[in-house]
C-alpha atoms as a PDB file:
ATOM      1  CA  MET A   1     177.388 101.995 121.624  1.00  0.00           C
ATOM      2  CA  ASN A   2     173.959 100.518 120.964  1.00  0.00           C
ATOM      3  CA  LYS A   3     171.271 101.056 123.576  1.00  0.00           C
ATOM      4  CA  LEU A   4     170.171  97.928 125.431  1.00  0.00           C
ATOM      5  CA  SER A   5     166.635  96.732 124.805  1.00  0.00           C
ATOM      6  CA  THR A   6     164.096  96.563 127.612  1.00  0.00           C
ATOM      7  CA  ASP A   7     164.348  92.758 127.650  1.00  0.00           C
ATOM      8  CA  LYS A   8     168.143  92.838 127.917  1.00  0.00           C
ATOM      9  CA  ARG A   9     168.033  95.460 130.651  1.00  0.00           C
ATOM     10  CA  THR A  10     165.537  93.325 132.522  1.00  0.00           C
ATOM     11  CA  GLN A  11     167.810  90.308 132.143  1.00  0.00           C
ATOM     12  CA  VAL A  12     170.818  92.187 133.526  1.00  0.00           C
ATOM     13  CA  ILE A  13     168.910  93.639 136.484  1.00  0.00           C
ATOM     14  CA  SER A  14     167.379  90.232 137.254  1.00  0.00           C
ATOM     15  CA  ALA A  15     170.880  88.786 137.539  1.00  0.00           C
ATOM     16  CA  LEU A  16     172.119  91.613 139.763  1.00  0.00           C
ATOM     17  CA  VAL A  17     169.220  91.514 142.249  1.00  0.00           C
ATOM     18  CA  GLU A  18     169.656  87.762 142.695  1.00  0.00           C
ATOM     19  CA  GLY A  19     173.135  88.241 144.111  1.00  0.00           C
ATOM     20  CA  ASN A  20     175.299  87.822 141.033  1.00  0.00           C
ATOM     21  CA  SER A  21     178.504  89.784 140.633  1.00  0.00           C
ATOM     22  CA  ILE A  22     179.200  92.096 137.711  1.00  0.00           C
ATOM     23  CA  ARG A  23     181.441  89.527 136.011  1.00  0.00           C
ATOM     24  CA  SER A  24     178.987  86.657 136.436  1.00  0.00           C
ATOM     25  CA  THR A  25     176.227  88.894 135.073  1.00  0.00           C
ATOM     26  CA  VAL A  26     178.418  89.566 132.040  1.00  0.00           C
ATOM     27  CA  ARG A  27     178.863  85.832 131.474  1.00  0.00           C
ATOM     28  CA  MET A  28     175.160  85.091 131.941  1.00  0.00           C
ATOM     29  CA  THR A  29     173.791  87.869 129.748  1.00  0.00           C
ATOM     30  CA  GLY A  30     176.532  88.491 127.198  1.00  0.00           C
ATOM     31  CA  VAL A  31     176.445  92.220 127.958  1.00  0.00           C
ATOM     32  CA  ALA A  32     179.793  94.014 128.179  1.00  0.00           C
ATOM     33  CA  LYS A  33     181.119  94.749 131.656  1.00  0.00           C
ATOM     34  CA  ASN A  34     181.186  98.535 131.193  1.00  0.00           C
ATOM     35  CA  THR A  35     177.601  98.424 129.939  1.00  0.00           C
ATOM     36  CA  VAL A  36     176.476  96.466 133.008  1.00  0.00           C
ATOM     37  CA  VAL A  37     178.202  98.969 135.303  1.00  0.00           C
ATOM     38  CA  LYS A  38     176.657 101.901 133.429  1.00  0.00           C
ATOM     39  CA  LEU A  39     173.189 100.329 133.705  1.00  0.00           C
ATOM     40  CA  LEU A  40     173.717  99.770 137.439  1.00  0.00           C
ATOM     41  CA  GLU A  41     174.598 103.450 137.850  1.00  0.00           C
ATOM     42  CA  GLU A  42     171.560 104.608 135.896  1.00  0.00           C
ATOM     43  CA  ILE A  43     169.006 102.253 137.436  1.00  0.00           C
ATOM     44  CA  GLY A  44     170.428 102.692 140.947  1.00  0.00           C
ATOM     45  CA  SER A  45     170.098 106.459 140.689  1.00  0.00           C
ATOM     46  CA  VAL A  46     166.491 106.173 139.476  1.00  0.00           C
ATOM     47  CA  CYS A  47     165.593 103.697 142.238  1.00  0.00           C
ATOM     48  CA  ALA A  48     167.056 105.958 144.926  1.00  0.00           C
ATOM     49  CA  GLU A  49     165.172 108.958 143.551  1.00  0.00           C
ATOM     50  CA  TYR A  50     161.864 107.105 143.280  1.00  0.00           C
ATOM     51  CA  GLN A  51     161.962 105.602 146.768  1.00  0.00           C
ATOM     52  CA  ASP A  52     163.005 108.915 148.274  1.00  0.00           C
ATOM     53  CA  LYS A  53     159.837 110.389 146.764  1.00  0.00           C
ATOM     54  CA  VAL A  54     157.265 107.681 147.599  1.00  0.00           C
ATOM     55  CA  LEU A  55     158.447 106.412 150.996  1.00  0.00           C
ATOM     56  CA  ARG A  56     156.810 109.310 152.824  1.00  0.00           C
ATOM     57  CA  ASN A  57     153.969 109.784 155.343  1.00  0.00           C
ATOM     58  CA  LEU A  58     154.312 106.184 156.469  1.00  0.00           C
ATOM     59  CA  THR A  59     152.001 105.012 159.259  1.00  0.00           C
ATOM     60  CA  CYS A  60     154.318 102.459 160.839  1.00  0.00           C
ATOM     61  CA  LYS A  61     153.811 101.526 164.476  1.00  0.00           C
ATOM     62  CA  ARG A  62     157.238 100.081 165.110  1.00  0.00           C
ATOM     63  CA  VAL A  63     160.687 100.519 163.539  1.00  0.00           C
ATOM     64  CA  GLN A  64     163.886  98.543 163.982  1.00  0.00           C
ATOM     65  CA  CYS A  65     167.318  99.909 163.006  1.00  0.00           C
ATOM     66  CA  ASP A  66     170.729  98.342 162.548  1.00  0.00           C
ATOM     67  CA  GLU A  67     174.014  98.761 160.685  1.00  0.00           C
ATOM     68  CA  ILE A  68     175.637  96.231 158.353  1.00  0.00           C
ATOM     69  CA  TRP A  69     179.353  96.180 157.514  1.00  0.00           C
ATOM     70  CA  ALA A  70     181.008  95.912 154.122  1.00  0.00           C
ATOM     71  CA  TYR A  71     184.206  97.229 152.618  1.00  0.00           C
ATOM     72  CA  CYS A  72     185.027  99.248 149.537  1.00  0.00           C
ATOM     73  CA  TYR A  73     188.209  99.423 147.434  1.00  0.00           C
ATOM     74  CA  ALA A  74     190.143  97.277 149.953  1.00  0.00           C
ATOM     75  CA  LYS A  75     189.956  95.826 153.437  1.00  0.00           C
ATOM     76  CA  GLN A  76     190.669  98.496 156.028  1.00  0.00           C
ATOM     77  CA  LYS A  77     194.106  97.096 156.841  1.00  0.00           C
ATOM     78  CA  ASN A  78     195.082  97.128 153.148  1.00  0.00           C
ATOM     79  CA  VAL A  79     194.039 100.698 152.313  1.00  0.00           C
ATOM     80  CA  PRO A  80     197.052 102.641 150.905  1.00  0.00           C
ATOM     81  CA  LYS A  81     198.406 105.452 153.071  1.00  0.00           C
ATOM     82  CA  ASP A  82     197.364 108.147 150.594  1.00  0.00           C
ATOM     83  CA  LYS A  83     193.735 106.998 150.810  1.00  0.00           C
ATOM     84  CA  GLN A  84     193.460 106.296 154.528  1.00  0.00           C
ATOM     85  CA  GLY A  85     190.817 108.363 156.295  1.00  0.00           C
ATOM     86  CA  GLN A  86     188.879 109.002 153.084  1.00  0.00           C
ATOM     87  CA  PHE A  87     185.289 107.808 152.872  1.00  0.00           C
ATOM     88  CA  GLY A  88     184.886 104.999 150.357  1.00  0.00           C
ATOM     89  CA  PHE A  89     188.203 103.364 151.113  1.00  0.00           C
ATOM     90  CA  GLY A  90     188.032 100.551 153.661  1.00  0.00           C
ATOM     91  CA  ASP A  91     185.172  99.946 156.105  1.00  0.00           C
ATOM     92  CA  VAL A  92     181.705 101.083 155.018  1.00  0.00           C
ATOM     93  CA  TRP A  93     178.472 100.705 156.994  1.00  0.00           C
ATOM     94  CA  THR A  94     174.923 100.699 155.672  1.00  0.00           C
ATOM     95  CA  TRP A  95     172.320 101.946 158.154  1.00  0.00           C
ATOM     96  CA  THR A  96     168.878 100.401 157.675  1.00  0.00           C
ATOM     97  CA  ALA A  97     165.418 100.949 159.166  1.00  0.00           C
ATOM     98  CA  ILE A  98     162.625  98.390 158.739  1.00  0.00           C
ATOM     99  CA  ASP A  99     158.967  98.212 159.688  1.00  0.00           C
ATOM    100  CA  PRO A 100     158.666  94.751 161.315  1.00  0.00           C
ATOM    101  CA  GLU A 101     154.967  94.491 160.421  1.00  0.00           C
ATOM    102  CA  SER A 102     155.039  95.280 156.695  1.00  0.00           C
ATOM    103  CA  LYS A 103     158.741  94.360 156.340  1.00  0.00           C
ATOM    104  CA  LEU A 104     159.210  97.601 154.393  1.00  0.00           C
ATOM    105  CA  VAL A 105     162.719  99.054 154.454  1.00  0.00           C
ATOM    106  CA  ILE A 106     161.874 102.676 155.180  1.00  0.00           C
ATOM    107  CA  SER A 107     165.261 104.339 155.077  1.00  0.00           C
ATOM    108  CA  TRP A 108     168.913 103.507 154.535  1.00  0.00           C
ATOM    109  CA  LEU A 109     172.236 105.306 154.420  1.00  0.00           C
ATOM    110  CA  VAL A 110     175.645 104.193 153.184  1.00  0.00           C
ATOM    111  CA  GLY A 111     178.270 105.828 155.364  1.00  0.00           C
ATOM    112  CA  LEU A 112     180.455 105.429 158.420  1.00  0.00           C
ATOM    113  CA  ARG A 113     179.473 104.065 161.811  1.00  0.00           C
ATOM    114  CA  ASP A 114     179.713 107.375 163.638  1.00  0.00           C
ATOM    115  CA  THR A 115     177.521 110.013 165.243  1.00  0.00           C
ATOM    116  CA  GLU A 116     177.389 112.304 162.212  1.00  0.00           C
ATOM    117  CA  HIS A 117     176.014 109.599 159.922  1.00  0.00           C
ATOM    118  CA  ALA A 118     173.670 108.435 162.686  1.00  0.00           C
ATOM    119  CA  LYS A 119     172.197 111.952 162.823  1.00  0.00           C
ATOM    120  CA  VAL A 120     171.676 112.094 159.057  1.00  0.00           C
ATOM    121  CA  PHE A 121     170.091 108.646 159.072  1.00  0.00           C
ATOM    122  CA  MET A 122     167.721 109.377 161.944  1.00  0.00           C
ATOM    123  CA  ALA A 123     166.725 112.751 160.505  1.00  0.00           C
ATOM    124  CA  ASP A 124     165.782 111.073 157.238  1.00  0.00           C
ATOM    125  CA  LEU A 125     163.818 108.368 159.075  1.00  0.00           C
ATOM    126  CA  ALA A 126     161.879 110.935 161.101  1.00  0.00           C
ATOM    127  CA  GLU A 127     160.856 112.815 157.932  1.00  0.00           C
ATOM    128  CA  ARG A 128     159.280 109.667 156.481  1.00  0.00           C
ATOM    129  CA  LEU A 129     157.006 108.853 159.435  1.00  0.00           C
ATOM    130  CA  SER A 130     153.593 110.437 159.975  1.00  0.00           C
ATOM    131  CA  ASN A 131     152.988 109.337 163.558  1.00  0.00           C
ATOM    132  CA  ARG A 132     154.674 108.370 166.800  1.00  0.00           C
ATOM    133  CA  VAL A 133     156.461 105.008 166.631  1.00  0.00           C
ATOM    134  CA  GLN A 134     158.283 102.606 168.889  1.00  0.00           C
ATOM    135  CA  LEU A 135     161.927 102.446 167.839  1.00  0.00           C
ATOM    136  CA  THR A 136     164.462  99.764 168.700  1.00  0.00           C
ATOM    137  CA  THR A 137     168.183  99.938 167.934  1.00  0.00           C
ATOM    138  CA  ASP A 138     171.243  98.084 169.090  1.00  0.00           C
ATOM    139  CA  GLY A 139     173.454  99.519 171.815  1.00  0.00           C
ATOM    140  CA  LEU A 140     175.507 101.820 169.565  1.00  0.00           C
ATOM    141  CA  LYS A 141     175.920 105.062 171.543  1.00  0.00           C
ATOM    142  CA  ALA A 142     175.755 107.188 168.396  1.00  0.00           C
ATOM    143  CA  TYR A 143     172.006 106.521 168.311  1.00  0.00           C
ATOM    144  CA  LEU A 144     171.373 108.348 171.586  1.00  0.00           C
ATOM    145  CA  GLU A 145     172.192 111.825 170.320  1.00  0.00           C
ATOM    146  CA  ALA A 146     170.850 111.102 166.837  1.00  0.00           C
ATOM    147  CA  VAL A 147     167.425 109.927 168.030  1.00  0.00           C
ATOM    148  CA  ASP A 148     167.122 112.808 170.476  1.00  0.00           C
ATOM    149  CA  GLN A 149     167.943 115.352 167.769  1.00  0.00           C
ATOM    150  CA  ALA A 150     165.558 113.819 165.200  1.00  0.00           C
ATOM    151  CA  PHE A 151     162.566 112.902 167.410  1.00  0.00           C
ATOM    152  CA  GLY A 152     162.962 114.635 170.761  1.00  0.00           C
ATOM    153  CA  ALA A 153     160.303 113.313 173.133  1.00  0.00           C
ATOM    154  CA  GLY A 154     157.969 112.311 170.305  1.00  0.00           C
ATOM    155  CA  ILE A 155     159.013 108.665 170.257  1.00  0.00           C
ATOM    156  CA  ASP A 156     159.048 105.503 172.348  1.00  0.00           C
ATOM    157  CA  TYR A 157     162.658 104.397 172.094  1.00  0.00           C
ATOM    158  CA  ALA A 158     164.556 101.450 173.546  1.00  0.00           C
ATOM    159  CA  MET A 159     167.909  99.791 172.969  1.00  0.00           C
ATOM    160  CA  LEU A 160     168.471  96.060 172.781  1.00  0.00           C
ATOM    161  CA  ILE A 161     171.991  95.649 174.132  1.00  0.00           C
ATOM    162  CA  LYS A 162     173.481  92.266 173.297  1.00  0.00           C
ATOM    163  CA  LEU A 163     176.122  90.616 175.420  1.00  0.00           C
ATOM    164  CA  TYR A 164     178.797  88.625 173.622  1.00  0.00           C
ATOM    165  CA  GLY A 165     181.248  85.953 174.676  1.00  0.00           C
ATOM    166  CA  PRO A 166     184.953  85.994 173.761  1.00  0.00           C
ATOM    167  CA  GLU A 167     185.749  86.455 170.061  1.00  0.00           C
ATOM    168  CA  ASN A 168     186.393  83.380 167.976  1.00  0.00           C
ATOM    169  CA  ALA A 169     189.943  82.622 166.950  1.00  0.00           C
ATOM    170  CA  GLY A 170     191.677  80.270 164.549  1.00  0.00           C
ATOM    171  CA  GLU A 171     189.535  78.650 161.884  1.00  0.00           C
ATOM    172  CA  GLY A 172     186.367  80.318 163.153  1.00  0.00           C
ATOM    173  CA  ARG A 173     187.718  83.861 163.056  1.00  0.00           C
ATOM    174  CA  TYR A 174     185.257  84.915 160.351  1.00  0.00           C
ATOM    175  CA  SER A 175     182.240  84.020 162.477  1.00  0.00           C
ATOM    176  CA  PRO A 176     180.781  86.657 164.821  1.00  0.00           C
ATOM    177  CA  PRO A 177     181.232  86.241 168.589  1.00  0.00           C
ATOM    178  CA  LYS A 178     178.590  84.125 170.307  1.00  0.00           C
ATOM    179  CA  CYS A 179     175.703  86.111 171.809  1.00  0.00           C
ATOM    180  CA  ILE A 180     175.288  85.003 175.416  1.00  0.00           C
ATOM    181  CA  GLY A 181     172.423  87.308 176.339  1.00  0.00           C
ATOM    182  CA  ALA A 182     170.700  90.655 175.847  1.00  0.00           C
ATOM    183  CA  ARG A 183     169.115  93.349 177.955  1.00  0.00           C
ATOM    184  CA  ARG A 184     166.396  95.848 177.073  1.00  0.00           C
ATOM    185  CA  GLN A 185     167.006  99.451 178.042  1.00  0.00           C
ATOM    186  CA  SER A 186     164.246 102.036 177.789  1.00  0.00           C
ATOM    187  CA  ILE A 187     165.584 105.414 176.635  1.00  0.00           C
ATOM    188  CA  VAL A 188     162.635 107.707 175.804  1.00  0.00           C
ATOM    189  CA  GLY A 189     158.878 107.411 176.292  1.00  0.00           C
ATOM    190  CA  ARG A 190     157.157 104.152 177.176  1.00  0.00           C
ATOM    191  CA  PRO A 191     158.307 101.432 174.746  1.00  0.00           C
ATOM    192  CA  ALA A 192     156.429  98.134 175.145  1.00  0.00           C
ATOM    193  CA  LYS A 193     158.931  95.621 176.477  1.00  0.00           C
ATOM    194  CA  GLN A 194     157.626  92.758 174.331  1.00  0.00           C
ATOM    195  CA  ASN A 195     158.278  94.800 171.182  1.00  0.00           C
ATOM    196  CA  VAL A 196     161.884  95.701 171.962  1.00  0.00           C
ATOM    197  CA  SER A 197     163.571  93.608 169.285  1.00  0.00           C
ATOM    198  CA  THR A 198     165.990  93.870 166.364  1.00  0.00           C
ATOM    199  CA  SER A 199     165.348  90.409 164.942  1.00  0.00           C
ATOM    200  CA  MET A 200     163.631  91.630 161.762  1.00  0.00           C
ATOM    201  CA  VAL A 201     166.291  94.164 160.834  1.00  0.00           C
ATOM    202  CA  GLU A 202     169.020  91.612 161.558  1.00  0.00           C
ATOM    203  CA  ARG A 203     167.255  89.169 159.254  1.00  0.00           C
ATOM    204  CA  GLN A 204     167.258  91.922 156.659  1.00  0.00           C
ATOM    205  CA  ASN A 205     171.047  91.994 156.971  1.00  0.00           C
ATOM    206  CA  LEU A 206     171.115  88.383 155.814  1.00  0.00           C
ATOM    207  CA  THR A 207     168.823  89.248 152.903  1.00  0.00           C
ATOM    208  CA  MET A 208     171.279  91.970 151.903  1.00  0.00           C
ATOM    209  CA  ARG A 209     174.255  89.644 152.042  1.00  0.00           C
ATOM    210  CA  MET A 210     172.408  87.050 149.967  1.00  0.00           C
ATOM    211  CA  GLY A 211     171.045  89.586 147.478  1.00  0.00           C
ATOM    212  CA  MET A 212     174.189  91.639 146.902  1.00  0.00           C
ATOM    213  CA  ARG A 213     177.500  90.023 146.083  1.00  0.00           C
ATOM    214  CA  ARG A 214     179.238  93.113 147.428  1.00  0.00           C
ATOM    215  CA  PHE A 215     178.160  92.321 150.993  1.00  0.00           C
ATOM    216  CA  THR A 216     179.516  88.775 151.118  1.00  0.00           C
ATOM    217  CA  ARG A 217     182.098  88.656 153.910  1.00  0.00           C
ATOM    218  CA  LEU A 218     184.775  86.715 152.017  1.00  0.00           C
ATOM    219  CA  THR A 219     184.533  87.859 148.423  1.00  0.00           C
ATOM    220  CA  ASN A 220     186.431  89.276 145.483  1.00  0.00           C
ATOM    221  CA  GLY A 221     183.167  90.850 144.291  1.00  0.00           C
ATOM    222  CA  PHE A 222     183.434  93.800 146.692  1.00  0.00           C
ATOM    223  CA  SER A 223     182.753  97.348 145.503  1.00  0.00           C
ATOM    224  CA  LYS A 224     185.698  99.193 144.012  1.00  0.00           C
ATOM    225  CA  LYS A 225     183.865 102.543 144.064  1.00  0.00           C
ATOM    226  CA  ILE A 226     181.593 103.787 146.842  1.00  0.00           C
ATOM    227  CA  GLN A 227     179.110 105.175 144.310  1.00  0.00           C
ATOM    228  CA  ASN A 228     178.556 101.711 142.830  1.00  0.00           C
ATOM    229  CA  LEU A 229     177.861 100.341 146.308  1.00  0.00           C
ATOM    230  CA  GLU A 230     175.247 103.056 146.834  1.00  0.00           C
ATOM    231  CA  TYR A 231     173.635 102.267 143.464  1.00  0.00           C
ATOM    232  CA  ALA A 232     173.561  98.542 144.260  1.00  0.00           C
ATOM    233  CA  VAL A 233     171.912  99.178 147.640  1.00  0.00           C
ATOM    234  CA  ALA A 234     169.232 101.397 146.076  1.00  0.00           C
ATOM    235  CA  LEU A 235     168.470  98.759 143.421  1.00  0.00           C
ATOM    236  CA  HIS A 236     168.374  95.996 146.029  1.00  0.00           C
ATOM    237  CA  PHE A 237     165.814  97.821 148.190  1.00  0.00           C
ATOM    238  CA  MET A 238     163.717  98.731 145.141  1.00  0.00           C
ATOM    239  CA  TYR A 239     163.483  95.064 144.256  1.00  0.00           C
ATOM    240  CA  TYR A 240     162.973  93.986 147.864  1.00  0.00           C
ATOM    241  CA  ASN A 241     160.304  96.591 148.668  1.00  0.00           C
ATOM    242  CA  PHE A 242     158.304  96.501 145.439  1.00  0.00           C
ATOM    243  CA  CYS A 243     158.984  93.307 143.460  1.00  0.00           C
ATOM    244  CA  ARG A 244     159.616  90.522 145.918  1.00  0.00           C
ATOM    245  CA  ILE A 245     156.722  88.716 147.603  1.00  0.00           C
ATOM    246  CA  HIS A 246     157.431  88.242 151.293  1.00  0.00           C
ATOM    247  CA  GLN A 247     156.728  84.632 152.259  1.00  0.00           C
ATOM    248  CA  THR A 248     154.802  85.462 155.435  1.00  0.00           C
ATOM    249  CA  LEU A 249     152.847  88.387 153.975  1.00  0.00           C
ATOM    250  CA  ARG A 250     152.032  86.913 150.524  1.00  0.00           C
ATOM    251  CA  VAL A 251     152.507  90.422 149.115  1.00  0.00           C
ATOM    252  CA  SER A 252     155.458  92.757 148.695  1.00  0.00           C
ATOM    253  CA  PRO A 253     156.461  94.980 151.640  1.00  0.00           C
ATOM    254  CA  ALA A 254     155.406  98.080 149.678  1.00  0.00           C
ATOM    255  CA  MET A 255     151.936  96.590 149.181  1.00  0.00           C
ATOM    256  CA  ALA A 256     151.676  95.651 152.855  1.00  0.00           C
ATOM    257  CA  ALA A 257     152.603  99.206 153.831  1.00  0.00           C
ATOM    258  CA  GLY A 258     150.103 100.754 151.417  1.00  0.00           C
ATOM    259  CA  VAL A 259     152.796 102.408 149.286  1.00  0.00           C
ATOM    260  CA  THR A 260     151.630 100.637 146.111  1.00  0.00           C
ATOM    261  CA  GLU A 261     148.538  98.670 145.133  1.00  0.00           C
ATOM    262  CA  HIS A 262     150.173  96.129 142.842  1.00  0.00           C
ATOM    263  CA  LEU A 263     153.172  93.841 142.693  1.00  0.00           C
ATOM    264  CA  TRP A 264     155.923  95.318 140.584  1.00  0.00           C
ATOM    265  CA  LYS A 265     157.947  93.408 138.031  1.00  0.00           C
ATOM    266  CA  ILE A 266     161.542  94.136 137.118  1.00  0.00           C
ATOM    267  CA  GLU A 267     160.210  95.473 133.811  1.00  0.00           C
ATOM    268  CA  ASP A 268     158.432  98.178 135.844  1.00  0.00           C
ATOM    269  CA  ILE A 269     161.761  99.250 137.341  1.00  0.00           C
ATOM    270  CA  VAL A 270     163.240  99.440 133.848  1.00  0.00           C
ATOM    271  CA  LYS A 271     160.295 101.624 132.797  1.00  0.00           C
ATOM    272  CA  LEU A 272     161.255 104.140 135.509  1.00  0.00           C
ATOM    273  CA  LEU A 273     164.607 104.529 133.796  1.00  0.00           C
ATOM    274  CA  GLU A 274     163.170 104.635 130.305  1.00  0.00           C
ATOM    275  CA  GLY A 275     160.578 107.200 131.362  1.00  0.00           C
ATOM    276  CA  LYS A 276     163.349 109.420 132.711  1.00  0.00           C
ATOM    277  CA  GLU A 277     165.316 109.049 129.458  1.00  0.00           C
ATOM    278  CA  LEU A 278     162.324 110.347 127.492  1.00  0.00           C
ATOM    279  CA  ARG A 279     162.027 113.569 129.497  1.00  0.00           C
END
């Protein structure tokens, strides 16, 4: 199999980060499906490795965390009996942490919505911060033990607990329940009440659904393998953090956070992969 040129790799990645599915990327670029998948695996791995290395010693003042749902292989109710209870089959949650000032996505984890994954996620977040921050999460109880284990008393932590009305039924069953209110609950330290919010990280959820076909609620473009979902998430955040100019900041989130001094292009992401191939 011939190796793709830099221009063709750039073309494929450009299609993927703009929310196109694998099959639509094949039609748009003329690259074989298996080649597109292989490139996603390679570039996703490089993006995860690079961001793990550079997103360190961050001087954020505030952090917001949330979880976003997707599914892999099949909807939870359609998972075969021999695969039930195995990670990567059915419901999958992506934990995300964002700095609301720079809009930088600091940390993420593809896993389950349970205490064990919450602990791993919070431990990773704590390692990336260089100072005390104010943290806001939703009311998921798994955060309580996870935050305590990762930060102890060295954090100002509050929960924003939303109150929902009855679930929609009938034609509107795919819409979330209507939020009828919210209450702020201080957990640790002295979090400033006016900064207890999850609006930025929830807006990031929309960016993820628009930027990755796999996260669309009603789709046949869902991930068939959990590894490919992880690669797609790593590529998405690489593009979001380093290549995409945020409308309110006029720079990329990585530039606003001081992680990089210049705006990256997709060609720069490709060069990460090509540099690794030359080692």
